Amino acid sequence: MDLETKKRIEALVNSNSIIVFMKGNKLMPQCGFSNNVVQILNSLGIHFETFDVLEDMEIREGIKEYSDWPTIPQVYLKGEFLGGSDILIEMYNSGELREKIEIALAT
């Protein structure tokens, strides 16, 4: 990934408390995995931003390298990579996701 793409990703990650790099957006997810993440975050009643990787190929490929994670969606909380759809489902079901988000947003 080139330096400009890395800087753009860092700016997105660091300027949003919660951001989801996904296919589509929170109003119109374009894949089932992205929809799972949106539904989980909506059910927690928290504000989050999305970035549609279908609109930007550099970010779509760069985010995979940035996180060292091969799939999309990718969720970041206060600059920290949380994971994708499967990990969020696991964290949500265990109650860990709500707790982690509440703690992060309280600081």
C-alpha atoms as a PDB file:
ATOM      1  CA  MET A   1       0.000   0.000   0.000  1.00  0.00           C
ATOM      2  CA  ASP A   2       1.279   3.454  -0.797  1.00  0.00           C
ATOM      3  CA  LEU A   3       1.868   6.116   1.857  1.00  0.00           C
ATOM      4  CA  GLU A   4      -1.097   8.253   0.774  1.00  0.00           C
ATOM      5  CA  THR A   5      -3.534   5.350   1.162  1.00  0.00           C
ATOM      6  CA  LYS A   6      -2.080   4.491   4.576  1.00  0.00           C
ATOM      7  CA  LYS A   7      -2.500   8.114   5.702  1.00  0.00           C
ATOM      8  CA  ARG A   8      -6.118   8.151   4.476  1.00  0.00           C
ATOM      9  CA  ILE A   9      -6.880   4.941   6.368  1.00  0.00           C
ATOM     10  CA  GLU A  10      -5.195   6.242   9.525  1.00  0.00           C
ATOM     11  CA  ALA A  11      -7.185   9.473   9.301  1.00  0.00           C
ATOM     12  CA  LEU A  12     -10.469   7.546   8.998  1.00  0.00           C
ATOM     13  CA  VAL A  13      -9.603   5.167  11.837  1.00  0.00           C
ATOM     14  CA  ASN A  14      -8.365   7.901  14.169  1.00  0.00           C
ATOM     15  CA  SER A  15     -11.114  10.455  13.504  1.00  0.00           C
ATOM     16  CA  ASN A  16     -14.038   8.125  14.271  1.00  0.00           C
ATOM     17  CA  SER A  17     -14.749   6.420  17.594  1.00  0.00           C
ATOM     18  CA  ILE A  18     -16.215   3.465  15.716  1.00  0.00           C
ATOM     19  CA  ILE A  19     -15.777   2.938  11.999  1.00  0.00           C
ATOM     20  CA  VAL A  20     -16.719  -0.020   9.839  1.00  0.00           C
ATOM     21  CA  PHE A  21     -14.967  -0.578   6.525  1.00  0.00           C
ATOM     22  CA  MET A  22     -17.646  -2.463   4.642  1.00  0.00           C
ATOM     23  CA  LYS A  23     -19.353  -3.148   1.346  1.00  0.00           C
ATOM     24  CA  GLY A  24     -22.102  -0.548   1.132  1.00  0.00           C
ATOM     25  CA  ASN A  25     -23.058   1.669   4.060  1.00  0.00           C
ATOM     26  CA  LYS A  26     -25.092   1.369   7.235  1.00  0.00           C
ATOM     27  CA  LEU A  27     -28.300   2.261   5.417  1.00  0.00           C
ATOM     28  CA  MET A  28     -27.674  -0.136   2.542  1.00  0.00           C
ATOM     29  CA  PRO A  29     -25.179  -2.930   3.272  1.00  0.00           C
ATOM     30  CA  GLN A  30     -24.084  -4.702   0.089  1.00  0.00           C
ATOM     31  CA  CYS A  31     -23.200  -8.106   1.575  1.00  0.00           C
ATOM     32  CA  GLY A  32     -24.471 -10.345   4.342  1.00  0.00           C
ATOM     33  CA  PHE A  33     -21.344 -10.045   6.473  1.00  0.00           C
ATOM     34  CA  SER A  34     -21.482  -6.243   6.366  1.00  0.00           C
ATOM     35  CA  ASN A  35     -25.188  -6.407   7.204  1.00  0.00           C
ATOM     36  CA  ASN A  36     -24.426  -8.616  10.246  1.00  0.00           C
ATOM     37  CA  VAL A  37     -22.025  -6.009  11.618  1.00  0.00           C
ATOM     38  CA  VAL A  38     -24.471  -3.147  11.016  1.00  0.00           C
ATOM     39  CA  GLN A  39     -27.288  -5.051  12.737  1.00  0.00           C
ATOM     40  CA  ILE A  40     -25.090  -5.838  15.753  1.00  0.00           C
ATOM     41  CA  LEU A  41     -23.946  -2.244  16.190  1.00  0.00           C
ATOM     42  CA  ASN A  42     -27.477  -0.919  15.646  1.00  0.00           C
ATOM     43  CA  SER A  43     -28.818  -3.323  18.277  1.00  0.00           C
ATOM     44  CA  LEU A  44     -26.343  -1.844  20.786  1.00  0.00           C
ATOM     45  CA  GLY A  45     -27.745   1.613  20.033  1.00  0.00           C
ATOM     46  CA  ILE A  46     -24.370   3.212  19.416  1.00  0.00           C
ATOM     47  CA  HIS A  47     -23.269   5.762  16.857  1.00  0.00           C
ATOM     48  CA  PHE A  48     -20.820   4.509  14.255  1.00  0.00           C
ATOM     49  CA  GLU A  49     -19.513   5.556  10.876  1.00  0.00           C
ATOM     50  CA  THR A  50     -19.044   3.445   7.773  1.00  0.00           C
ATOM     51  CA  PHE A  51     -16.737   3.583   4.784  1.00  0.00           C
ATOM     52  CA  ASP A  52     -17.898   1.931   1.557  1.00  0.00           C
ATOM     53  CA  VAL A  53     -14.891   0.037   0.197  1.00  0.00           C
ATOM     54  CA  LEU A  54     -16.763  -0.571  -3.076  1.00  0.00           C
ATOM     55  CA  GLU A  55     -16.280   3.140  -3.808  1.00  0.00           C
ATOM     56  CA  ASP A  56     -12.503   3.152  -3.338  1.00  0.00           C
ATOM     57  CA  MET A  57     -10.280   0.284  -4.507  1.00  0.00           C
ATOM     58  CA  GLU A  58      -7.137   1.669  -2.830  1.00  0.00           C
ATOM     59  CA  ILE A  59      -8.833   1.664   0.570  1.00  0.00           C
ATOM     60  CA  ARG A  60     -10.478  -1.703  -0.154  1.00  0.00           C
ATOM     61  CA  GLU A  61      -7.117  -3.378  -0.679  1.00  0.00           C
ATOM     62  CA  GLY A  62      -5.138  -1.159   1.693  1.00  0.00           C
ATOM     63  CA  ILE A  63      -7.339  -1.839   4.724  1.00  0.00           C
ATOM     64  CA  LYS A  64      -6.550  -5.556   4.442  1.00  0.00           C
ATOM     65  CA  GLU A  65      -2.838  -4.814   4.636  1.00  0.00           C
ATOM     66  CA  TYR A  66      -3.301  -2.143   7.318  1.00  0.00           C
ATOM     67  CA  SER A  67      -5.032  -4.572   9.681  1.00  0.00           C
ATOM     68  CA  ASP A  68      -3.313  -7.714   8.454  1.00  0.00           C
ATOM     69  CA  TRP A  69      -6.832  -9.143   8.097  1.00  0.00           C
ATOM     70  CA  PRO A  70      -7.902 -10.566   4.720  1.00  0.00           C
ATOM     71  CA  THR A  71     -11.649  -9.927   4.745  1.00  0.00           C
ATOM     72  CA  ILE A  72     -14.192  -7.134   4.860  1.00  0.00           C
ATOM     73  CA  PRO A  73     -16.012  -5.850   6.894  1.00  0.00           C
ATOM     74  CA  GLN A  74     -13.506  -4.567   9.414  1.00  0.00           C
ATOM     75  CA  VAL A  75     -14.465  -2.775  12.600  1.00  0.00           C
ATOM     76  CA  TYR A  76     -12.276  -0.289  14.477  1.00  0.00           C
ATOM     77  CA  LEU A  77     -12.983   1.033  17.957  1.00  0.00           C
ATOM     78  CA  LYS A  78     -10.987   4.079  19.073  1.00  0.00           C
ATOM     79  CA  GLY A  79      -8.243   3.217  16.596  1.00  0.00           C
ATOM     80  CA  GLU A  80      -8.088  -0.472  17.566  1.00  0.00           C
ATOM     81  CA  PHE A  81      -8.973  -3.211  15.094  1.00  0.00           C
ATOM     82  CA  LEU A  82     -11.705  -5.388  16.617  1.00  0.00           C
ATOM     83  CA  GLY A  83     -12.284  -7.840  13.787  1.00  0.00           C
ATOM     84  CA  GLY A  84     -14.784  -8.775  11.149  1.00  0.00           C
ATOM     85  CA  SER A  85     -18.267 -10.238  11.116  1.00  0.00           C
ATOM     86  CA  ASP A  86     -17.518 -13.582  12.809  1.00  0.00           C
ATOM     87  CA  ILE A  87     -15.512 -12.002  15.618  1.00  0.00           C
ATOM     88  CA  LEU A  88     -18.156  -9.346  16.241  1.00  0.00           C
ATOM     89  CA  ILE A  89     -20.889 -12.005  16.390  1.00  0.00           C
ATOM     90  CA  GLU A  90     -18.820 -13.937  18.949  1.00  0.00           C
ATOM     91  CA  MET A  91     -18.089 -10.828  21.016  1.00  0.00           C
ATOM     92  CA  TYR A  92     -21.739  -9.731  20.855  1.00  0.00           C
ATOM     93  CA  ASN A  93     -23.061 -13.122  21.962  1.00  0.00           C
ATOM     94  CA  SER A  94     -20.664 -13.265  24.921  1.00  0.00           C
ATOM     95  CA  GLY A  95     -21.430  -9.688  26.020  1.00  0.00           C
ATOM     96  CA  GLU A  96     -17.797  -8.705  25.505  1.00  0.00           C
ATOM     97  CA  LEU A  97     -18.584  -6.315  22.637  1.00  0.00           C
ATOM     98  CA  ARG A  98     -20.998  -4.135  24.619  1.00  0.00           C
ATOM     99  CA  GLU A  99     -18.576  -3.970  27.543  1.00  0.00           C
ATOM    100  CA  LYS A 100     -15.569  -3.150  25.357  1.00  0.00           C
ATOM    101  CA  ILE A 101     -17.466  -0.398  23.512  1.00  0.00           C
ATOM    102  CA  GLU A 102     -18.874   1.141  26.697  1.00  0.00           C
ATOM    103  CA  ILE A 103     -15.424   1.260  28.293  1.00  0.00           C
ATOM    104  CA  ALA A 104     -13.757   2.692  25.172  1.00  0.00           C
ATOM    105  CA  LEU A 105     -16.389   5.363  24.657  1.00  0.00           C
ATOM    106  CA  ALA A 106     -16.316   6.382  28.325  1.00  0.00           C
ATOM    107  CA  THR A 107     -12.641   7.370  28.114  1.00  0.00           C
END
